[in-house]
Amino acid sequence: MLVGNKSDLRHLRAVETDEAMSFSEQHNLAFIETSALDASGVDTAFQRILTEIYRLMSRRNIQAEEAANATTLGDGQKINLNDTSTNTKPGCCGTN
């Protein structure tokens, strides 16, 4: 986020609004002008940056949960359910 401060002092600008907006677009940044003197834009700037932080942290948490829940299966072991010649055990109550 690019924040232009002291927007109330327009006659003393070092960077014009158009130039700042162009820069922020080129660098994929949000742009807002603020003034503590007349309290313009300050609340909005804080809300936007906090919203962006929350969005990024939520995305990071979701990705971490997905990675933790991902299971990787190995080759495993084949089991033949029709083969009764091996591992024969008596049935219930000693009957076969």
C-alpha atoms as a PDB file:
ATOM      1  CA  MET A   1       0.000   0.000   0.000  1.00  0.00           C
ATOM      2  CA  LEU A   2       1.257   3.436  -0.917  1.00  0.00           C
ATOM      3  CA  VAL A   3       0.027   6.192   1.398  1.00  0.00           C
ATOM      4  CA  GLY A   4       0.432   9.839   0.522  1.00  0.00           C
ATOM      5  CA  ASN A   5       0.410  11.853   3.735  1.00  0.00           C
ATOM      6  CA  LYS A   6      -0.220  15.544   4.408  1.00  0.00           C
ATOM      7  CA  SER A   7      -2.751  15.722   1.588  1.00  0.00           C
ATOM      8  CA  ASP A   8      -4.040  18.956   3.129  1.00  0.00           C
ATOM      9  CA  LEU A   9      -0.795  20.710   2.081  1.00  0.00           C
ATOM     10  CA  ARG A  10      -1.442  20.532  -1.679  1.00  0.00           C
ATOM     11  CA  HIS A  11       0.729  23.562  -2.435  1.00  0.00           C
ATOM     12  CA  LEU A  12       3.805  21.857  -0.904  1.00  0.00           C
ATOM     13  CA  ARG A  13       3.524  18.535  -2.763  1.00  0.00           C
ATOM     14  CA  ALA A  14       6.725  16.789  -3.751  1.00  0.00           C
ATOM     15  CA  VAL A  15       4.809  14.124  -5.705  1.00  0.00           C
ATOM     16  CA  GLU A  16       1.621  14.777  -7.630  1.00  0.00           C
ATOM     17  CA  THR A  17      -1.397  12.515  -7.089  1.00  0.00           C
ATOM     18  CA  ASP A  18      -1.318  11.282 -10.701  1.00  0.00           C
ATOM     19  CA  GLU A  19       2.335  10.303 -10.401  1.00  0.00           C
ATOM     20  CA  ALA A  20       1.698   8.428  -7.146  1.00  0.00           C
ATOM     21  CA  MET A  21      -1.312   6.643  -8.637  1.00  0.00           C
ATOM     22  CA  SER A  22       0.695   5.631 -11.691  1.00  0.00           C
ATOM     23  CA  PHE A  23       3.516   4.310  -9.510  1.00  0.00           C
ATOM     24  CA  SER A  24       1.117   2.325  -7.328  1.00  0.00           C
ATOM     25  CA  GLU A  25      -0.546   0.764 -10.396  1.00  0.00           C
ATOM     26  CA  GLN A  26       2.826  -0.203 -11.892  1.00  0.00           C
ATOM     27  CA  HIS A  27       3.842  -1.908  -8.654  1.00  0.00           C
ATOM     28  CA  ASN A  28       0.424  -3.435  -7.924  1.00  0.00           C
ATOM     29  CA  LEU A  29      -0.105  -1.358  -4.783  1.00  0.00           C
ATOM     30  CA  ALA A  30      -3.195   0.223  -3.317  1.00  0.00           C
ATOM     31  CA  PHE A  31      -2.953   4.015  -3.120  1.00  0.00           C
ATOM     32  CA  ILE A  32      -4.614   6.430  -0.717  1.00  0.00           C
ATOM     33  CA  GLU A  33      -3.957   9.981   0.401  1.00  0.00           C
ATOM     34  CA  THR A  34      -4.299  10.927   4.050  1.00  0.00           C
ATOM     35  CA  SER A  35      -4.181  13.948   6.290  1.00  0.00           C
ATOM     36  CA  ALA A  36      -3.864  13.756  10.044  1.00  0.00           C
ATOM     37  CA  LEU A  37      -4.736  17.446  10.254  1.00  0.00           C
ATOM     38  CA  ASP A  38      -8.280  17.014   8.933  1.00  0.00           C
ATOM     39  CA  ALA A  39      -8.433  13.232   9.585  1.00  0.00           C
ATOM     40  CA  SER A  40      -9.184  12.409   5.980  1.00  0.00           C
ATOM     41  CA  GLY A  41      -8.278   8.946   4.720  1.00  0.00           C
ATOM     42  CA  VAL A  42      -6.569   7.793   7.912  1.00  0.00           C
ATOM     43  CA  ASP A  43      -9.318   5.373   8.999  1.00  0.00           C
ATOM     44  CA  THR A  44      -9.694   4.087   5.461  1.00  0.00           C
ATOM     45  CA  ALA A  45      -5.942   3.475   5.155  1.00  0.00           C
ATOM     46  CA  PHE A  46      -5.889   1.470   8.383  1.00  0.00           C
ATOM     47  CA  GLN A  47      -8.965  -0.526   7.411  1.00  0.00           C
ATOM     48  CA  ARG A  48      -7.556  -1.374   3.984  1.00  0.00           C
ATOM     49  CA  ILE A  49      -4.164  -2.473   5.275  1.00  0.00           C
ATOM     50  CA  LEU A  50      -5.700  -4.543   8.091  1.00  0.00           C
ATOM     51  CA  THR A  51      -8.114  -6.173   5.628  1.00  0.00           C
ATOM     52  CA  GLU A  52      -5.225  -7.049   3.319  1.00  0.00           C
ATOM     53  CA  ILE A  53      -3.174  -8.497   6.196  1.00  0.00           C
ATOM     54  CA  TYR A  54      -6.162 -10.582   7.305  1.00  0.00           C
ATOM     55  CA  ARG A  55      -6.743 -11.834   3.749  1.00  0.00           C
ATOM     56  CA  LEU A  56      -3.098 -12.829   3.309  1.00  0.00           C
ATOM     57  CA  MET A  57      -2.902 -14.543   6.705  1.00  0.00           C
ATOM     58  CA  SER A  58      -6.141 -16.431   6.070  1.00  0.00           C
ATOM     59  CA  ARG A  59      -4.839 -17.659   2.715  1.00  0.00           C
ATOM     60  CA  ARG A  60      -1.564 -18.740   4.351  1.00  0.00           C
ATOM     61  CA  ASN A  61      -3.445 -20.625   7.104  1.00  0.00           C
ATOM     62  CA  ILE A  62      -5.673 -22.388   4.576  1.00  0.00           C
ATOM     63  CA  GLN A  63      -2.647 -23.450   2.526  1.00  0.00           C
ATOM     64  CA  ALA A  64      -0.891 -24.730   5.659  1.00  0.00           C
ATOM     65  CA  GLU A  65      -3.972 -26.736   6.682  1.00  0.00           C
ATOM     66  CA  GLU A  66      -4.292 -28.214   3.203  1.00  0.00           C
ATOM     67  CA  ALA A  67      -0.631 -29.210   3.230  1.00  0.00           C
ATOM     68  CA  ALA A  68      -0.987 -30.799   6.673  1.00  0.00           C
ATOM     69  CA  ASN A  69      -4.082 -32.728   5.600  1.00  0.00           C
ATOM     70  CA  ALA A  70      -2.588 -33.938   2.331  1.00  0.00           C
ATOM     71  CA  THR A  71      -1.845 -37.631   2.429  1.00  0.00           C
ATOM     72  CA  THR A  72       0.668 -39.355   0.265  1.00  0.00           C
ATOM     73  CA  LEU A  73       0.102 -42.987  -0.437  1.00  0.00           C
ATOM     74  CA  GLY A  74       3.006 -45.321  -0.979  1.00  0.00           C
ATOM     75  CA  ASP A  75       3.024 -48.474  -3.057  1.00  0.00           C
ATOM     76  CA  GLY A  76       1.222 -50.378  -0.324  1.00  0.00           C
ATOM     77  CA  GLN A  77       0.709 -54.112  -0.043  1.00  0.00           C
ATOM     78  CA  LYS A  78      -1.619 -56.213  -2.162  1.00  0.00           C
ATOM     79  CA  ILE A  79      -4.057 -58.473  -0.352  1.00  0.00           C
ATOM     80  CA  ASN A  80      -5.834 -61.312  -2.111  1.00  0.00           C
ATOM     81  CA  LEU A  81      -9.186 -61.829  -0.397  1.00  0.00           C
ATOM     82  CA  ASN A  82      -9.962 -64.984  -2.377  1.00  0.00           C
ATOM     83  CA  ASP A  83      -6.828 -66.886  -1.306  1.00  0.00           C
ATOM     84  CA  THR A  84      -7.771 -69.235   1.576  1.00  0.00           C
ATOM     85  CA  SER A  85      -4.624 -71.374   1.428  1.00  0.00           C
ATOM     86  CA  THR A  86      -2.553 -69.125   3.672  1.00  0.00           C
ATOM     87  CA  ASN A  87      -3.232 -67.941   7.149  1.00  0.00           C
ATOM     88  CA  THR A  88      -6.113 -70.269   7.819  1.00  0.00           C
ATOM     89  CA  LYS A  89      -7.447 -69.819  11.321  1.00  0.00           C
ATOM     90  CA  PRO A  90     -10.317 -71.568  12.958  1.00  0.00           C
ATOM     91  CA  GLY A  91     -13.646 -69.767  12.752  1.00  0.00           C
ATOM     92  CA  CYS A  92     -15.739 -68.673  15.669  1.00  0.00           C
ATOM     93  CA  CYS A  93     -15.878 -70.981  18.648  1.00  0.00           C
ATOM     94  CA  GLY A  94     -13.197 -73.315  17.258  1.00  0.00           C
ATOM     95  CA  THR A  95     -15.115 -74.305  14.113  1.00  0.00           C
ATOM     96  CA  ASN A  96     -13.548 -74.069  10.703  1.00  0.00           C
END
